[in-house]
């Protein structure tokens, strides 16, 4: 259909289309399968920071997180000591919650342990969905789940390993962001594009 590009692109019902940076995140990143550990660590750190807040609050601070968290180099973050944590807490560019900042360092150390055990964190986490994205059937906002059986299991295992701020809701949001589940709505133009790309 030659004039399909003229029509407004249909996007997910949760998206605030008045925020250009949010739209860009939805269009370029959300739901795209992540297969590299650095990006996986970035999303996990940002999702954990989000706990109790909106994702957009964290998204706006993402560049500051990159600057302060060694561009999400997991080995570097794992070495952050108490002095470094205090320094981070002085920077208004991130969410200055002591428990969350300490959790990011704690989780980095445990992330490295999983890499050692499984070869990569992606190998570990993608095994929960048999290495292929789950495609959900979502039409309206009310159809969106907050958790799933898989996010419950994954959350439980991460907690058992000592990870912090990894409740099932956070983990489900992480799975959505990293494309382990494709939760683009059925009428969202990105849904089929992402399916076609893998």
C-alpha atoms as a PDB file:
ATOM      1  CA  UNK A   1       0.000   0.000   0.000  1.00  0.00           C
ATOM      2  CA  UNK A   2       1.859   3.093  -1.199  1.00  0.00           C
ATOM      3  CA  UNK A   3       0.112   5.542   1.120  1.00  0.00           C
ATOM      4  CA  UNK A   4       0.622   3.506   4.322  1.00  0.00           C
ATOM      5  CA  UNK A   5       3.571   5.726   5.279  1.00  0.00           C
ATOM      6  CA  UNK A   6       1.294   8.775   5.119  1.00  0.00           C
ATOM      7  CA  UNK A   7      -0.982   7.352   7.821  1.00  0.00           C
ATOM      8  CA  UNK A   8      -0.091   7.936  11.443  1.00  0.00           C
ATOM      9  CA  UNK A   9       1.888   5.021  12.834  1.00  0.00           C
ATOM     10  CA  UNK A  10      -0.081   3.122  15.425  1.00  0.00           C
ATOM     11  CA  UNK A  11       1.827   2.574  18.665  1.00  0.00           C
ATOM     12  CA  UNK A  12       1.315   0.805  22.009  1.00  0.00           C
ATOM     13  CA  UNK A  13      -1.459   2.201  24.229  1.00  0.00           C
ATOM     14  CA  UNK A  14       0.853   2.755  27.231  1.00  0.00           C
ATOM     15  CA  UNK A  15       3.083   5.193  25.355  1.00  0.00           C
ATOM     16  CA  UNK A  16       2.861   8.927  26.064  1.00  0.00           C
ATOM     17  CA  UNK A  17       3.235  10.128  22.480  1.00  0.00           C
ATOM     18  CA  UNK A  18       3.777  13.747  23.580  1.00  0.00           C
ATOM     19  CA  UNK A  19       7.295  12.823  24.813  1.00  0.00           C
ATOM     20  CA  UNK A  20       9.627  12.546  21.815  1.00  0.00           C
ATOM     21  CA  UNK A  21      12.360  10.699  23.745  1.00  0.00           C
ATOM     22  CA  UNK A  22       9.806   8.180  25.022  1.00  0.00           C
ATOM     23  CA  UNK A  23       8.504   7.602  21.491  1.00  0.00           C
ATOM     24  CA  UNK A  24      12.065   7.096  20.262  1.00  0.00           C
ATOM     25  CA  UNK A  25      12.713   4.525  23.008  1.00  0.00           C
ATOM     26  CA  UNK A  26       9.502   2.687  22.082  1.00  0.00           C
ATOM     27  CA  UNK A  27      10.298   2.773  18.362  1.00  0.00           C
ATOM     28  CA  UNK A  28      13.962   1.769  18.542  1.00  0.00           C
ATOM     29  CA  UNK A  29      14.568  -0.279  21.682  1.00  0.00           C
ATOM     30  CA  UNK A  30      11.556  -1.540  23.614  1.00  0.00           C
ATOM     31  CA  UNK A  31      10.898  -5.193  22.867  1.00  0.00           C
ATOM     32  CA  UNK A  32      13.930  -5.679  20.623  1.00  0.00           C
ATOM     33  CA  UNK A  33      15.701  -8.909  21.684  1.00  0.00           C
ATOM     34  CA  UNK A  34      18.904  -8.078  23.579  1.00  0.00           C
ATOM     35  CA  UNK A  35      21.678 -10.621  23.151  1.00  0.00           C
ATOM     36  CA  UNK A  36      24.673  -8.810  24.631  1.00  0.00           C
ATOM     37  CA  UNK A  37      25.476  -8.743  28.316  1.00  0.00           C
ATOM     38  CA  UNK A  38      26.388  -5.063  28.583  1.00  0.00           C
ATOM     39  CA  UNK A  39      22.976  -3.928  27.342  1.00  0.00           C
ATOM     40  CA  UNK A  40      21.331  -6.586  29.493  1.00  0.00           C
ATOM     41  CA  UNK A  41      23.152  -5.221  32.562  1.00  0.00           C
ATOM     42  CA  UNK A  42      22.176  -1.667  31.630  1.00  0.00           C
ATOM     43  CA  UNK A  43      18.486  -2.565  31.421  1.00  0.00           C
ATOM     44  CA  UNK A  44      18.603  -4.607  34.614  1.00  0.00           C
ATOM     45  CA  UNK A  45      20.227  -1.703  36.492  1.00  0.00           C
ATOM     46  CA  UNK A  46      17.741   0.833  35.123  1.00  0.00           C
ATOM     47  CA  UNK A  47      14.731  -1.419  35.786  1.00  0.00           C
ATOM     48  CA  UNK A  48      15.901  -1.908  39.389  1.00  0.00           C
ATOM     49  CA  UNK A  49      16.263   1.859  39.780  1.00  0.00           C
ATOM     50  CA  UNK A  50      12.713   2.242  38.487  1.00  0.00           C
ATOM     51  CA  UNK A  51      11.105   0.317  41.399  1.00  0.00           C
ATOM     52  CA  UNK A  52       8.175   2.431  42.606  1.00  0.00           C
ATOM     53  CA  UNK A  53       8.694   5.067  39.905  1.00  0.00           C
ATOM     54  CA  UNK A  54       7.688   5.481  36.276  1.00  0.00           C
ATOM     55  CA  UNK A  55       9.975   4.136  33.565  1.00  0.00           C
ATOM     56  CA  UNK A  56      10.048   7.600  31.987  1.00  0.00           C
ATOM     57  CA  UNK A  57      11.588   9.030  35.197  1.00  0.00           C
ATOM     58  CA  UNK A  58      14.498   6.615  34.765  1.00  0.00           C
ATOM     59  CA  UNK A  59      14.698   7.010  30.998  1.00  0.00           C
ATOM     60  CA  UNK A  60      15.297  10.761  31.388  1.00  0.00           C
ATOM     61  CA  UNK A  61      18.251  10.004  33.669  1.00  0.00           C
ATOM     62  CA  UNK A  62      19.719   7.263  31.490  1.00  0.00           C
ATOM     63  CA  UNK A  63      22.634   9.317  30.147  1.00  0.00           C
ATOM     64  CA  UNK A  64      23.586  10.277  33.705  1.00  0.00           C
ATOM     65  CA  UNK A  65      23.531   6.621  34.686  1.00  0.00           C
ATOM     66  CA  UNK A  66      25.801   5.822  31.759  1.00  0.00           C
ATOM     67  CA  UNK A  67      28.193   8.563  32.835  1.00  0.00           C
ATOM     68  CA  UNK A  68      28.242   7.577  36.507  1.00  0.00           C
ATOM     69  CA  UNK A  69      28.079   3.800  36.114  1.00  0.00           C
ATOM     70  CA  UNK A  70      31.083   3.394  33.807  1.00  0.00           C
ATOM     71  CA  UNK A  71      28.830   3.111  30.741  1.00  0.00           C
ATOM     72  CA  UNK A  72      27.400  -0.022  32.396  1.00  0.00           C
ATOM     73  CA  UNK A  73      30.696  -1.888  32.311  1.00  0.00           C
ATOM     74  CA  UNK A  74      29.685  -4.610  34.761  1.00  0.00           C
ATOM     75  CA  UNK A  75      33.262  -5.350  35.881  1.00  0.00           C
ATOM     76  CA  UNK A  76      33.859  -1.689  36.696  1.00  0.00           C
ATOM     77  CA  UNK A  77      30.555  -1.325  38.588  1.00  0.00           C
ATOM     78  CA  UNK A  78      31.275  -4.495  40.583  1.00  0.00           C
ATOM     79  CA  UNK A  79      34.405  -2.759  41.935  1.00  0.00           C
ATOM     80  CA  UNK A  80      32.589   0.341  43.219  1.00  0.00           C
ATOM     81  CA  UNK A  81      33.412   0.754  46.910  1.00  0.00           C
ATOM     82  CA  UNK A  82      31.624   2.649  49.696  1.00  0.00           C
ATOM     83  CA  UNK A  83      33.390   5.912  48.797  1.00  0.00           C
ATOM     84  CA  UNK A  84      32.238   5.596  45.198  1.00  0.00           C
ATOM     85  CA  UNK A  85      28.676   4.885  46.339  1.00  0.00           C
ATOM     86  CA  UNK A  86      28.737   8.039  48.511  1.00  0.00           C
ATOM     87  CA  UNK A  87      30.005  10.014  45.519  1.00  0.00           C
ATOM     88  CA  UNK A  88      27.184   8.669  43.327  1.00  0.00           C
ATOM     89  CA  UNK A  89      24.598   9.621  45.943  1.00  0.00           C
ATOM     90  CA  UNK A  90      25.698  13.270  45.697  1.00  0.00           C
ATOM     91  CA  UNK A  91      24.794  13.411  41.986  1.00  0.00           C
ATOM     92  CA  UNK A  92      21.231  14.568  41.298  1.00  0.00           C
ATOM     93  CA  UNK A  93      21.506  13.127  37.792  1.00  0.00           C
ATOM     94  CA  UNK A  94      20.447   9.701  39.062  1.00  0.00           C
ATOM     95  CA  UNK A  95      17.849   8.411  41.494  1.00  0.00           C
ATOM     96  CA  UNK A  96      19.597   9.019  44.802  1.00  0.00           C
ATOM     97  CA  UNK A  97      18.273   6.068  46.711  1.00  0.00           C
ATOM     98  CA  UNK A  98      21.050   4.455  48.740  1.00  0.00           C
ATOM     99  CA  UNK A  99      19.480   0.992  48.633  1.00  0.00           C
ATOM    100  CA  UNK A 100      19.112   1.133  44.865  1.00  0.00           C
ATOM    101  CA  UNK A 101      22.658   2.362  44.254  1.00  0.00           C
ATOM    102  CA  UNK A 102      24.058  -0.316  46.574  1.00  0.00           C
ATOM    103  CA  UNK A 103      21.852  -2.877  44.816  1.00  0.00           C
ATOM    104  CA  UNK A 104      23.365  -1.919  41.436  1.00  0.00           C
ATOM    105  CA  UNK A 105      26.867  -2.691  42.768  1.00  0.00           C
ATOM    106  CA  UNK A 106      25.710  -5.870  44.493  1.00  0.00           C
ATOM    107  CA  UNK A 107      23.904  -7.012  41.344  1.00  0.00           C
ATOM    108  CA  UNK A 108      26.979  -6.317  39.201  1.00  0.00           C
ATOM    109  CA  UNK A 109      29.038  -8.724  41.332  1.00  0.00           C
ATOM    110  CA  UNK A 110      26.377 -11.415  41.051  1.00  0.00           C
ATOM    111  CA  UNK A 111      25.965 -10.740  37.313  1.00  0.00           C
ATOM    112  CA  UNK A 112      29.666 -11.640  36.944  1.00  0.00           C
ATOM    113  CA  UNK A 113      29.081 -14.884  38.852  1.00  0.00           C
ATOM    114  CA  UNK A 114      26.290 -15.827  36.443  1.00  0.00           C
ATOM    115  CA  UNK A 115      28.582 -15.034  33.495  1.00  0.00           C
ATOM    116  CA  UNK A 116      31.152 -17.411  34.990  1.00  0.00           C
ATOM    117  CA  UNK A 117      28.578 -20.142  35.509  1.00  0.00           C
ATOM    118  CA  UNK A 118      26.694 -19.905  32.201  1.00  0.00           C
ATOM    119  CA  UNK A 119      29.242 -18.343  29.825  1.00  0.00           C
ATOM    120  CA  UNK A 120      27.135 -15.210  29.556  1.00  0.00           C
ATOM    121  CA  UNK A 121      24.253 -13.604  31.415  1.00  0.00           C
ATOM    122  CA  UNK A 122      22.217 -13.719  28.199  1.00  0.00           C
ATOM    123  CA  UNK A 123      22.612 -17.511  28.044  1.00  0.00           C
ATOM    124  CA  UNK A 124      21.268 -17.728  31.579  1.00  0.00           C
ATOM    125  CA  UNK A 125      18.304 -15.399  31.186  1.00  0.00           C
ATOM    126  CA  UNK A 126      17.186 -16.383  27.666  1.00  0.00           C
ATOM    127  CA  UNK A 127      16.978 -20.033  28.731  1.00  0.00           C
ATOM    128  CA  UNK A 128      13.862 -19.037  30.687  1.00  0.00           C
ATOM    129  CA  UNK A 129      12.038 -18.467  27.391  1.00  0.00           C
ATOM    130  CA  UNK A 130      13.739 -21.306  25.464  1.00  0.00           C
ATOM    131  CA  UNK A 131      15.882 -18.722  23.664  1.00  0.00           C
ATOM    132  CA  UNK A 132      13.016 -17.253  21.664  1.00  0.00           C
ATOM    133  CA  UNK A 133      10.724 -14.326  22.428  1.00  0.00           C
ATOM    134  CA  UNK A 134       7.229 -15.002  23.711  1.00  0.00           C
ATOM    135  CA  UNK A 135       4.715 -13.123  21.567  1.00  0.00           C
ATOM    136  CA  UNK A 136       1.712 -11.952  23.551  1.00  0.00           C
ATOM    137  CA  UNK A 137      -1.718 -11.127  22.202  1.00  0.00           C
ATOM    138  CA  UNK A 138      -2.469  -7.608  23.487  1.00  0.00           C
ATOM    139  CA  UNK A 139      -5.097  -5.224  22.170  1.00  0.00           C
ATOM    140  CA  UNK A 140      -5.674  -2.663  24.911  1.00  0.00           C
ATOM    141  CA  UNK A 141      -3.977  -1.359  28.034  1.00  0.00           C
ATOM    142  CA  UNK A 142      -6.031  -3.658  30.277  1.00  0.00           C
ATOM    143  CA  UNK A 143      -4.552  -6.695  28.463  1.00  0.00           C
ATOM    144  CA  UNK A 144      -0.997  -5.946  29.619  1.00  0.00           C
ATOM    145  CA  UNK A 145       0.221  -8.272  32.379  1.00  0.00           C
ATOM    146  CA  UNK A 146       2.422  -6.959  35.208  1.00  0.00           C
ATOM    147  CA  UNK A 147       4.031 -10.350  35.872  1.00  0.00           C
ATOM    148  CA  UNK A 148       4.047 -13.868  34.454  1.00  0.00           C
ATOM    149  CA  UNK A 149       4.894 -17.368  35.634  1.00  0.00           C
ATOM    150  CA  UNK A 150       8.298 -16.978  34.007  1.00  0.00           C
ATOM    151  CA  UNK A 151       9.006 -13.611  35.647  1.00  0.00           C
ATOM    152  CA  UNK A 152       7.996 -15.192  38.988  1.00  0.00           C
ATOM    153  CA  UNK A 153      10.505 -18.035  38.474  1.00  0.00           C
ATOM    154  CA  UNK A 154      13.280 -15.790  37.217  1.00  0.00           C
ATOM    155  CA  UNK A 155      12.742 -13.288  40.020  1.00  0.00           C
ATOM    156  CA  UNK A 156      12.860 -16.090  42.595  1.00  0.00           C
ATOM    157  CA  UNK A 157      16.105 -17.480  41.181  1.00  0.00           C
ATOM    158  CA  UNK A 158      17.756 -14.044  41.049  1.00  0.00           C
ATOM    159  CA  UNK A 159      16.692 -13.355  44.642  1.00  0.00           C
ATOM    160  CA  UNK A 160      18.061 -16.728  45.720  1.00  0.00           C
ATOM    161  CA  UNK A 161      21.365 -15.732  44.126  1.00  0.00           C
ATOM    162  CA  UNK A 162      21.328 -12.507  46.180  1.00  0.00           C
ATOM    163  CA  UNK A 163      20.129  -9.948  43.624  1.00  0.00           C
ATOM    164  CA  UNK A 164      18.221  -6.943  44.987  1.00  0.00           C
ATOM    165  CA  UNK A 165      15.276  -5.015  43.494  1.00  0.00           C
ATOM    166  CA  UNK A 166      14.362  -7.913  41.219  1.00  0.00           C
ATOM    167  CA  UNK A 167      10.733  -8.552  42.148  1.00  0.00           C
ATOM    168  CA  UNK A 168       8.532 -10.237  39.560  1.00  0.00           C
ATOM    169  CA  UNK A 169       7.070  -6.924  38.300  1.00  0.00           C
ATOM    170  CA  UNK A 170      10.557  -5.456  37.749  1.00  0.00           C
ATOM    171  CA  UNK A 171      11.703  -8.655  36.044  1.00  0.00           C
ATOM    172  CA  UNK A 172       8.645  -8.734  33.794  1.00  0.00           C
ATOM    173  CA  UNK A 173       9.351  -5.117  32.756  1.00  0.00           C
ATOM    174  CA  UNK A 174      12.948  -6.183  32.086  1.00  0.00           C
ATOM    175  CA  UNK A 175      11.751  -9.081  29.924  1.00  0.00           C
ATOM    176  CA  UNK A 176       9.540  -6.675  27.954  1.00  0.00           C
ATOM    177  CA  UNK A 177      12.340  -4.141  27.470  1.00  0.00           C
ATOM    178  CA  UNK A 178      14.861  -6.791  26.389  1.00  0.00           C
ATOM    179  CA  UNK A 179      12.497  -8.488  23.967  1.00  0.00           C
ATOM    180  CA  UNK A 180      12.213 -11.756  25.865  1.00  0.00           C
ATOM    181  CA  UNK A 181       8.504 -11.070  25.522  1.00  0.00           C
ATOM    182  CA  UNK A 182       7.108  -9.081  22.621  1.00  0.00           C
ATOM    183  CA  UNK A 183       4.418  -7.034  24.342  1.00  0.00           C
ATOM    184  CA  UNK A 184       3.820  -4.565  21.559  1.00  0.00           C
ATOM    185  CA  UNK A 185       0.070  -4.315  21.036  1.00  0.00           C
ATOM    186  CA  UNK A 186      -1.399  -6.146  18.056  1.00  0.00           C
ATOM    187  CA  UNK A 187      -1.989  -2.881  16.177  1.00  0.00           C
ATOM    188  CA  UNK A 188       1.446  -1.410  16.991  1.00  0.00           C
ATOM    189  CA  UNK A 189       3.578  -1.084  13.872  1.00  0.00           C
ATOM    190  CA  UNK A 190       6.680  -2.294  15.763  1.00  0.00           C
ATOM    191  CA  UNK A 191       5.248  -5.684  16.715  1.00  0.00           C
ATOM    192  CA  UNK A 192       5.609  -7.351  13.325  1.00  0.00           C
ATOM    193  CA  UNK A 193       8.818  -5.459  12.478  1.00  0.00           C
ATOM    194  CA  UNK A 194      10.522  -7.002  15.524  1.00  0.00           C
ATOM    195  CA  UNK A 195       9.158 -10.469  14.712  1.00  0.00           C
ATOM    196  CA  UNK A 196      10.402 -10.147  11.125  1.00  0.00           C
ATOM    197  CA  UNK A 197      13.859  -9.056  12.304  1.00  0.00           C
ATOM    198  CA  UNK A 198      14.640 -12.288  14.134  1.00  0.00           C
END
